[in-house]
Amino acid sequence: MANTASAAKQARGALRRRVVNRLLLDHARTAQKKLIALLTAGKKDEAAKLFPELQRRLDRAAKGKAIHRNRSARIKSRIAHKLR
């Protein structure tokens, strides 16, 4: 429990940020799992259509600092290599 009003306010903000970050990460992971599933099934053309969505979701998560921008870049790079 917070001892001061400012600490309580910080706790509320942290809770809101945690919810938003969790949502951004969940959307990115879901898109990544769909893409990987398509690649393992050998459906590269369908996976290529979903790749921009994954990029958009990862970029949004990195922009909001839910994940590090280098991690976002690394994931996109690895998927792009698999799409070739």
Protein backbone atom coordinates (compact mmCIF):
# COMPACT_ATOMS: atom_id res chain seq x y z
CA MET A 1 0.00 0.00 0.00
CA ALA A 2 1.26 3.47 -0.87
CA ASN A 3 2.27 5.73 2.00
CA THR A 4 1.78 9.03 0.17
CA ALA A 5 -0.67 10.44 -2.33
CA SER A 6 2.05 10.72 -4.98
CA ALA A 7 3.01 7.07 -4.48
CA ALA A 8 -0.63 6.06 -4.89
CA LYS A 9 -0.84 8.09 -8.10
CA GLN A 10 2.33 6.42 -9.41
CA ALA A 11 0.84 3.01 -8.62
CA ARG A 12 -2.32 3.84 -10.59
CA GLY A 13 -0.27 4.98 -13.57
CA ALA A 14 1.90 1.88 -13.40
CA LEU A 15 -1.20 -0.30 -13.45
CA ARG A 16 -2.56 1.48 -16.55
CA ARG A 17 0.81 1.21 -18.32
CA ARG A 18 1.04 -2.49 -17.44
CA VAL A 19 -2.37 -3.17 -18.98
CA VAL A 20 -1.51 -1.29 -22.18
CA ASN A 21 1.92 -2.91 -22.50
CA ARG A 22 0.43 -6.35 -21.91
CA LEU A 23 -2.13 -5.74 -24.66
CA LEU A 24 0.54 -4.57 -27.12
CA LEU A 25 2.70 -7.60 -26.38
CA ASP A 26 -0.19 -10.04 -26.63
CA HIS A 27 -1.22 -8.70 -30.03
CA ALA A 28 2.36 -8.88 -31.30
CA ARG A 29 2.86 -12.43 -30.01
CA THR A 30 -0.43 -13.60 -31.52
CA ALA A 31 0.52 -12.20 -34.92
CA GLN A 32 3.95 -13.82 -34.63
CA LYS A 33 2.47 -17.22 -33.73
CA LYS A 34 0.05 -17.08 -36.66
CA LEU A 35 2.88 -16.25 -39.03
CA ILE A 36 5.14 -19.02 -37.70
CA ALA A 37 2.28 -21.52 -37.97
CA LEU A 38 1.76 -20.58 -41.62
CA LEU A 39 5.48 -20.88 -42.32
CA THR A 40 5.72 -24.32 -40.74
CA ALA A 41 2.69 -25.39 -42.79
CA GLY A 42 4.54 -24.27 -45.92
CA LYS A 43 2.15 -21.43 -46.79
CA LYS A 44 4.72 -18.73 -47.52
CA ASP A 45 2.42 -16.61 -49.67
CA GLU A 46 -0.20 -16.35 -46.90
CA ALA A 47 2.53 -15.67 -44.35
CA ALA A 48 3.89 -12.87 -46.53
CA LYS A 49 0.47 -11.22 -46.46
CA LEU A 50 0.45 -11.30 -42.64
CA PHE A 51 4.01 -10.01 -42.29
CA PRO A 52 3.08 -6.28 -42.53
CA GLU A 53 0.61 -6.76 -39.68
CA LEU A 54 3.33 -8.31 -37.53
CA GLN A 55 5.67 -5.43 -38.39
CA ARG A 56 3.02 -2.88 -37.48
CA ARG A 57 2.27 -4.53 -34.15
CA LEU A 58 5.94 -4.91 -33.22
CA ASP A 59 6.69 -1.31 -34.18
CA ARG A 60 3.79 -0.10 -32.07
CA ALA A 61 4.99 -2.14 -29.08
CA ALA A 62 8.52 -0.78 -29.52
CA LYS A 63 7.26 2.78 -29.90
CA GLY A 64 5.34 2.48 -26.65
CA LYS A 65 8.44 0.92 -25.03
CA ALA A 66 6.60 -2.29 -24.21
CA ILE A 67 9.57 -4.07 -25.82
CA HIS A 68 13.02 -2.82 -26.82
CA ARG A 69 13.33 -1.56 -30.39
CA ASN A 70 16.23 -3.93 -31.03
CA ARG A 71 14.11 -6.91 -30.00
CA SER A 72 11.41 -5.76 -32.40
CA ALA A 73 13.98 -5.44 -35.19
CA ARG A 74 15.45 -8.86 -34.40
CA ILE A 75 12.06 -10.59 -34.56
CA LYS A 76 11.18 -8.88 -37.86
CA SER A 77 14.57 -9.77 -39.32
CA ARG A 78 14.30 -13.45 -38.40
CA ILE A 79 10.80 -13.72 -39.85
CA ALA A 80 11.89 -11.91 -43.02
CA HIS A 81 14.72 -14.41 -43.50
CA LYS A 82 12.26 -17.28 -43.14
CA LEU A 83 9.98 -15.70 -45.74
CA ARG A 84 12.71 -15.72 -48.39
